Protein backbone atom coordinates (compact mmCIF):
# COMPACT_ATOMS: atom_id res chain seq x y z
CA PHE A 1 -4.85 1.71 -12.95
CA VAL A 2 -6.87 -1.27 -11.72
CA ILE A 3 -9.24 -1.75 -8.79
CA ILE A 4 -10.15 -5.36 -8.01
CA SER A 5 -12.43 -6.68 -5.28
CA ILE A 6 -13.32 -10.06 -3.84
CA MET A 7 -15.78 -10.76 -1.08
CA THR A 8 -15.86 -13.96 0.99
CA THR A 9 -15.84 -16.21 -2.08
CA PRO A 10 -12.80 -15.25 -4.13
CA THR A 11 -14.25 -13.99 -7.38
CA ARG A 12 -12.76 -11.23 -9.44
CA LYS A 13 -14.63 -8.01 -10.16
CA ASP A 14 -13.28 -5.04 -12.05
CA ALA A 15 -14.60 -1.69 -10.88
CA ASP A 16 -16.51 0.40 -13.41
CA ALA A 17 -14.35 3.46 -12.80
CA PRO A 18 -10.87 3.89 -11.37
CA SER A 19 -10.46 5.40 -7.94
CA ASP A 20 -9.07 8.89 -7.53
CA VAL A 21 -7.12 7.71 -4.49
CA LYS A 22 -3.48 6.85 -5.14
CA VAL A 23 -1.53 4.13 -3.35
CA SER A 24 0.90 6.72 -1.99
CA GLN A 25 -1.99 8.67 -0.45
CA ILE A 26 -3.28 5.56 1.28
CA LEU A 27 0.18 4.80 2.65
CA ASP A 28 0.49 8.37 3.98
CA MET A 29 -2.93 8.15 5.68
CA VAL A 30 -2.11 4.77 7.23
CA ARG A 31 1.23 6.00 8.59
CA LYS A 32 -0.57 8.86 10.38
CA SER A 33 -3.10 6.61 12.13
CA PRO A 34 -2.11 5.84 15.74
CA SER A 35 -4.22 2.66 15.88
CA ILE A 36 -2.43 0.95 12.99
CA THR A 37 0.63 -1.24 13.49
CA MET A 38 3.20 -0.99 10.70
CA ARG A 39 6.00 -3.37 9.78
CA THR A 40 8.23 -4.11 6.82
CA THR A 41 8.88 -7.70 5.82
CA ALA A 42 12.32 -9.03 4.96
CA ASP A 43 11.45 -8.84 1.26
CA GLY A 44 10.33 -5.21 1.45
CA TRP A 45 6.54 -5.36 1.72
CA THR A 46 5.01 -2.75 4.00
CA ILE A 47 2.24 -4.29 6.11
CA ALA A 48 -0.27 -2.24 8.09
CA GLU A 49 -2.65 -3.95 10.52
CA ASP A 50 -5.51 -2.83 12.70
CA ARG A 51 -7.60 -5.07 14.95
CA ASP A 52 -10.92 -4.06 16.47
CA SER A 53 -10.52 -4.77 20.20
CA GLU A 54 -14.25 -5.44 20.66
CA THR A 55 -15.07 -7.62 17.65
CA GLY A 56 -11.64 -9.01 16.80
CA ASP A 57 -12.13 -7.96 13.17
CA MET A 58 -8.82 -7.45 11.39
CA THR A 59 -7.82 -5.05 8.63
CA GLN A 60 -4.56 -5.63 6.79
CA LEU A 61 -3.04 -3.53 4.04
CA SER A 62 -0.12 -4.95 2.05
CA PHE A 63 1.88 -2.42 0.03
CA THR A 64 4.15 -3.70 -2.73
CA PRO A 65 7.88 -2.97 -2.51
CA ALA A 66 9.38 -0.71 -5.20
CA TYR A 67 10.89 -3.67 -7.10
CA HIS A 68 7.55 -5.50 -7.47
CA PRO A 69 6.27 -5.61 -11.09
CA ALA A 70 2.79 -4.38 -10.02
CA HIS A 71 4.15 -1.46 -7.96
CA PRO A 72 2.65 0.74 -6.76
CA ALA A 73 -0.16 -1.41 -5.39
CA VAL A 74 -1.96 -2.05 -2.13
CA VAL A 75 -4.10 -5.04 -1.18
CA LEU A 76 -6.64 -4.50 1.58
CA ARG A 77 -8.03 -7.54 3.36
CA THR A 78 -10.61 -7.33 6.11
CA SER A 79 -11.69 -10.34 8.09
CA GLY A 80 -14.12 -11.04 10.88
CA LEU A 81 -16.80 -13.42 12.06
CA ASN A 82 -20.13 -13.44 10.27
CA GLU A 83 -23.35 -12.44 12.05
CA THR A 84 -23.93 -15.95 13.43
CA LYS A 85 -20.26 -16.22 14.47
CA THR A 86 -19.99 -19.53 12.60
CA ASP A 87 -17.70 -18.51 9.77
CA ILE A 88 -15.04 -15.97 8.89
CA ASN A 89 -15.78 -13.44 6.18
CA VAL A 90 -12.80 -12.16 4.22
CA ASN A 91 -13.14 -9.19 1.90
CA MET A 92 -10.31 -8.17 -0.39
CA ASN A 93 -9.81 -5.02 -2.44
CA MET A 94 -6.81 -3.96 -4.44
CA ILE A 95 -5.68 -0.68 -5.92
CA CYS A 96 -2.94 -1.27 -8.44
CA GLU A 97 -1.29 1.44 -10.49
CA GLY A 98 1.12 -0.94 -12.22
CA PRO A 99 0.70 -2.68 -15.58
CA PRO A 100 -2.68 -4.48 -15.79
CA ALA A 101 -1.14 -7.91 -16.43
CA GLU A 102 1.04 -7.58 -13.32
CA CYS A 103 -1.95 -6.37 -11.31
CA ASP A 104 -3.85 -9.48 -12.40
CA LYS A 105 -0.96 -11.67 -11.21
CA LEU A 106 -0.84 -9.88 -7.86
CA PHE A 107 -4.59 -10.30 -7.43
CA ASP A 108 -4.35 -14.01 -8.20
CA GLN A 109 -1.50 -14.43 -5.70
CA PHE A 110 -3.49 -12.78 -2.91
CA LYS A 111 -6.61 -14.71 -3.85
CA ALA A 112 -4.61 -17.94 -3.47
CA LEU A 113 -3.08 -16.76 -0.18
CA THR A 114 -6.54 -15.96 1.18
CA ALA A 115 -7.91 -19.34 0.09
CA GLN A 116 -4.93 -21.09 1.71
CA MET A 117 -5.42 -19.11 4.92
CA LEU A 118 -9.08 -20.14 5.09
CA GLU A 119 -8.19 -23.75 4.30
CA ASP A 120 -5.57 -23.74 7.07
CA LEU A 121 -8.27 -22.56 9.44
CA ASN A 122 -10.56 -25.36 8.16
CA LEU A 123 -13.09 -22.76 7.08
CA ALA A 124 -12.79 -22.95 3.30
């Protein structure tokens, strides 16, 4: 069971203690929220998104499909403008109940995706 976080600058941090919250519980909670938009990608990922209508801040949860080596896992990314509205802050957290080595790979993949997204927006 691994919890990994990154904030703005993608750096890895292992939590001191594992969370008591399971991936399946998070998925159940998300499915019950009327403000969250859910979709399933062609390759089986479940994506949940919520956008704050006032600030434009975005929350995205990406749940691994059953065949994924790190399953069950969820990656939470939140993004929004900083206080001066000159840059985008991206925070990423992951709860992964799969094998630690596979969780590390998943984290690295999302870290790279986040860096690429920021680079594409010319904000990296």
